[in-house]
Amino acid sequence: MSIEQSETLQSVPKDQLCHLHPWDPNTHVVAKEMLQKIRRLAPNLDVTFTGSAALRILGKNDVDLTATCNT
């Protein structure tokens, strides 16, 4: 775990649980499929794969996508 990750964990209130998982390569497969579907259905959106899975680091084992639209 990096120093930044450790500092982030220390900032979580003690009464809240935080479950982190090792990076899972399958998140990239899922993200690619989701991006293709979104871009096909809404080509005017700029969709980006973000978060810990995109960075291939320890995280919540989820897929974060950010979408913006200029219209």
N, C-alpha and C. Protein backbone atom coordinates (compact mmCIF):
# COMPACT_ATOMS: atom_id res chain seq x y z
N MET A 1 0.85 -1.17 0.00
CA MET A 1 0.00 0.00 0.00
C MET A 1 0.89 1.23 0.00
N SER A 2 0.52 2.21 -0.82
CA SER A 2 1.33 3.43 -0.90
C SER A 2 1.07 4.33 0.31
N ILE A 3 1.92 5.31 0.49
CA ILE A 3 1.75 6.29 1.56
C ILE A 3 0.43 7.03 1.38
N GLU A 4 0.12 7.41 0.13
CA GLU A 4 -1.12 8.13 -0.15
C GLU A 4 -2.35 7.28 0.20
N GLN A 5 -2.29 5.99 -0.15
CA GLN A 5 -3.41 5.10 0.17
C GLN A 5 -3.57 4.96 1.68
N SER A 6 -2.45 4.83 2.37
CA SER A 6 -2.48 4.71 3.82
C SER A 6 -3.07 5.97 4.46
N GLU A 7 -2.67 7.14 3.97
CA GLU A 7 -3.19 8.40 4.50
C GLU A 7 -4.69 8.52 4.24
N THR A 8 -5.13 8.07 3.07
CA THR A 8 -6.56 8.11 2.75
C THR A 8 -7.33 7.22 3.71
N LEU A 9 -6.82 6.03 3.96
CA LEU A 9 -7.49 5.11 4.90
C LEU A 9 -7.56 5.71 6.29
N GLN A 10 -6.53 6.40 6.70
CA GLN A 10 -6.51 7.01 8.03
C GLN A 10 -7.53 8.13 8.15
N SER A 11 -7.95 8.70 7.02
CA SER A 11 -8.93 9.79 7.05
C SER A 11 -10.37 9.29 7.17
N VAL A 12 -10.58 7.98 7.00
CA VAL A 12 -11.93 7.41 7.11
C VAL A 12 -12.31 7.37 8.59
N PRO A 13 -13.50 7.89 8.93
CA PRO A 13 -13.92 7.86 10.34
C PRO A 13 -13.87 6.44 10.91
N LYS A 14 -13.48 6.33 12.15
CA LYS A 14 -13.28 5.03 12.79
C LYS A 14 -14.56 4.21 12.87
N ASP A 15 -15.73 4.87 12.83
CA ASP A 15 -16.99 4.14 12.94
C ASP A 15 -17.50 3.64 11.58
N GLN A 16 -16.74 3.86 10.52
CA GLN A 16 -17.13 3.39 9.20
C GLN A 16 -16.18 2.29 8.73
N LEU A 17 -16.75 1.25 8.17
CA LEU A 17 -15.93 0.17 7.64
C LEU A 17 -15.47 0.51 6.23
N CYS A 18 -14.31 0.04 5.90
CA CYS A 18 -13.77 0.25 4.56
C CYS A 18 -13.15 -1.06 4.10
N HIS A 19 -13.74 -1.68 3.09
CA HIS A 19 -13.24 -2.94 2.57
C HIS A 19 -12.53 -2.68 1.25
N LEU A 20 -11.25 -2.96 1.21
CA LEU A 20 -10.47 -2.77 -0.01
C LEU A 20 -10.05 -4.13 -0.55
N HIS A 21 -9.92 -4.18 -1.87
CA HIS A 21 -9.58 -5.42 -2.55
C HIS A 21 -8.39 -5.18 -3.47
N PRO A 22 -7.61 -6.22 -3.73
CA PRO A 22 -6.54 -6.09 -4.72
C PRO A 22 -7.15 -5.78 -6.09
N TRP A 23 -6.36 -5.18 -6.95
CA TRP A 23 -6.83 -4.87 -8.30
C TRP A 23 -7.22 -6.16 -9.01
N ASP A 24 -8.35 -6.12 -9.70
CA ASP A 24 -8.87 -7.27 -10.45
C ASP A 24 -8.85 -6.95 -11.93
N PRO A 25 -8.08 -7.68 -12.74
CA PRO A 25 -8.02 -7.40 -14.18
C PRO A 25 -9.38 -7.46 -14.87
N ASN A 26 -10.33 -8.19 -14.30
CA ASN A 26 -11.66 -8.29 -14.91
C ASN A 26 -12.37 -6.94 -14.93
N THR A 27 -12.00 -6.02 -14.05
CA THR A 27 -12.64 -4.70 -14.07
C THR A 27 -12.40 -3.99 -15.40
N HIS A 28 -11.25 -4.25 -16.02
CA HIS A 28 -10.97 -3.62 -17.32
C HIS A 28 -11.85 -4.21 -18.41
N VAL A 29 -12.13 -5.50 -18.33
CA VAL A 29 -13.03 -6.14 -19.29
C VAL A 29 -14.44 -5.56 -19.15
N VAL A 30 -14.91 -5.46 -17.91
CA VAL A 30 -16.25 -4.91 -17.64
C VAL A 30 -16.32 -3.45 -18.10
N ALA A 31 -15.30 -2.68 -17.77
CA ALA A 31 -15.29 -1.25 -18.16
C ALA A 31 -15.33 -1.10 -19.67
N LYS A 32 -14.55 -1.91 -20.40
CA LYS A 32 -14.54 -1.82 -21.85
C LYS A 32 -15.93 -2.11 -22.43
N GLU A 33 -16.59 -3.14 -21.90
CA GLU A 33 -17.94 -3.48 -22.37
C GLU A 33 -18.92 -2.34 -22.07
N MET A 34 -18.84 -1.78 -20.87
CA MET A 34 -19.74 -0.70 -20.49
C MET A 34 -19.50 0.54 -21.35
N LEU A 35 -18.23 0.88 -21.59
CA LEU A 35 -17.91 2.04 -22.41
C LEU A 35 -18.45 1.88 -23.83
N GLN A 36 -18.29 0.69 -24.39
CA GLN A 36 -18.79 0.45 -25.75
C GLN A 36 -20.31 0.62 -25.82
N LYS A 37 -21.03 0.09 -24.84
CA LYS A 37 -22.49 0.21 -24.83
C LYS A 37 -22.93 1.66 -24.67
N ILE A 38 -22.30 2.37 -23.74
CA ILE A 38 -22.67 3.78 -23.50
C ILE A 38 -22.37 4.62 -24.73
N ARG A 39 -21.21 4.42 -25.32
CA ARG A 39 -20.84 5.23 -26.50
C ARG A 39 -21.74 4.94 -27.69
N ARG A 40 -22.22 3.70 -27.79
CA ARG A 40 -23.14 3.35 -28.87
C ARG A 40 -24.51 4.01 -28.64
N LEU A 41 -24.98 4.00 -27.39
CA LEU A 41 -26.29 4.55 -27.06
C LEU A 41 -26.31 6.07 -26.93
N ALA A 42 -25.18 6.65 -26.53
CA ALA A 42 -25.11 8.10 -26.31
C ALA A 42 -23.78 8.64 -26.83
N PRO A 43 -23.65 8.71 -28.16
CA PRO A 43 -22.36 9.13 -28.74
C PRO A 43 -21.95 10.56 -28.40
N ASN A 44 -22.89 11.37 -27.91
CA ASN A 44 -22.56 12.76 -27.56
C ASN A 44 -21.89 12.87 -26.19
N LEU A 45 -21.84 11.75 -25.44
CA LEU A 45 -21.19 11.78 -24.13
C LEU A 45 -19.71 11.47 -24.26
N ASP A 46 -18.92 12.15 -23.47
CA ASP A 46 -17.51 11.84 -23.34
C ASP A 46 -17.38 11.00 -22.07
N VAL A 47 -17.14 9.70 -22.21
CA VAL A 47 -17.12 8.78 -21.08
C VAL A 47 -15.69 8.31 -20.85
N THR A 48 -15.28 8.37 -19.58
CA THR A 48 -13.91 8.00 -19.21
C THR A 48 -13.94 6.99 -18.07
N PHE A 49 -13.08 6.00 -18.16
CA PHE A 49 -12.89 5.00 -17.12
C PHE A 49 -11.94 5.61 -16.09
N THR A 50 -12.40 5.75 -14.85
CA THR A 50 -11.62 6.43 -13.81
C THR A 50 -11.55 5.56 -12.56
N GLY A 51 -10.95 6.06 -11.53
CA GLY A 51 -10.92 5.37 -10.25
C GLY A 51 -9.78 4.38 -10.09
N SER A 52 -9.81 3.67 -8.98
CA SER A 52 -8.71 2.76 -8.64
C SER A 52 -8.57 1.62 -9.64
N ALA A 53 -9.69 1.10 -10.16
CA ALA A 53 -9.60 0.00 -11.13
C ALA A 53 -8.88 0.46 -12.40
N ALA A 54 -9.18 1.67 -12.85
CA ALA A 54 -8.52 2.20 -14.04
C ALA A 54 -7.02 2.38 -13.80
N LEU A 55 -6.67 2.71 -12.56
CA LEU A 55 -5.26 2.90 -12.20
C LEU A 55 -4.56 1.61 -11.82
N ARG A 56 -5.33 0.53 -11.77
CA ARG A 56 -4.80 -0.80 -11.44
C ARG A 56 -4.18 -0.84 -10.04
N ILE A 57 -4.93 -0.25 -9.09
CA ILE A 57 -4.46 -0.23 -7.71
C ILE A 57 -5.54 -0.77 -6.78
N LEU A 58 -5.18 -0.98 -5.53
CA LEU A 58 -6.07 -1.41 -4.47
C LEU A 58 -7.31 -0.52 -4.45
N GLY A 59 -8.49 -1.14 -4.28
CA GLY A 59 -9.71 -0.33 -4.25
C GLY A 59 -10.92 -1.12 -3.83
N LYS A 60 -12.10 -0.61 -4.19
CA LYS A 60 -13.36 -1.23 -3.78
C LYS A 60 -13.85 -2.28 -4.77
N ASN A 61 -13.05 -2.57 -5.78
CA ASN A 61 -13.38 -3.57 -6.79
C ASN A 61 -14.65 -3.18 -7.55
N ASP A 62 -14.74 -1.90 -7.89
CA ASP A 62 -15.86 -1.41 -8.68
C ASP A 62 -15.34 -0.71 -9.92
N VAL A 63 -16.24 -0.40 -10.83
CA VAL A 63 -15.88 0.29 -12.07
C VAL A 63 -16.44 1.70 -11.99
N ASP A 64 -15.57 2.69 -12.01
CA ASP A 64 -15.98 4.09 -11.99
C ASP A 64 -15.90 4.66 -13.41
N LEU A 65 -17.00 5.23 -13.85
CA LEU A 65 -17.04 5.91 -15.14
C LEU A 65 -17.49 7.35 -14.92
N THR A 66 -16.89 8.26 -15.66
CA THR A 66 -17.26 9.66 -15.60
C THR A 66 -17.77 10.05 -16.99
N ALA A 67 -18.93 10.68 -17.04
CA ALA A 67 -19.51 11.10 -18.30
C ALA A 67 -19.77 12.59 -18.30
N THR A 68 -19.41 13.25 -19.39
CA THR A 68 -19.69 14.67 -19.56
C THR A 68 -20.30 14.88 -20.95
N CYS A 69 -21.09 15.93 -21.04
CA CYS A 69 -21.74 16.25 -22.31
C CYS A 69 -21.69 17.75 -22.51
N ASN A 70 -21.31 18.17 -23.70
CA ASN A 70 -21.19 19.61 -23.97
C ASN A 70 -22.39 20.18 -24.68
N THR A 71 -23.46 19.39 -24.87
CA THR A 71 -24.63 19.91 -25.58
C THR A 71 -25.75 20.24 -24.62
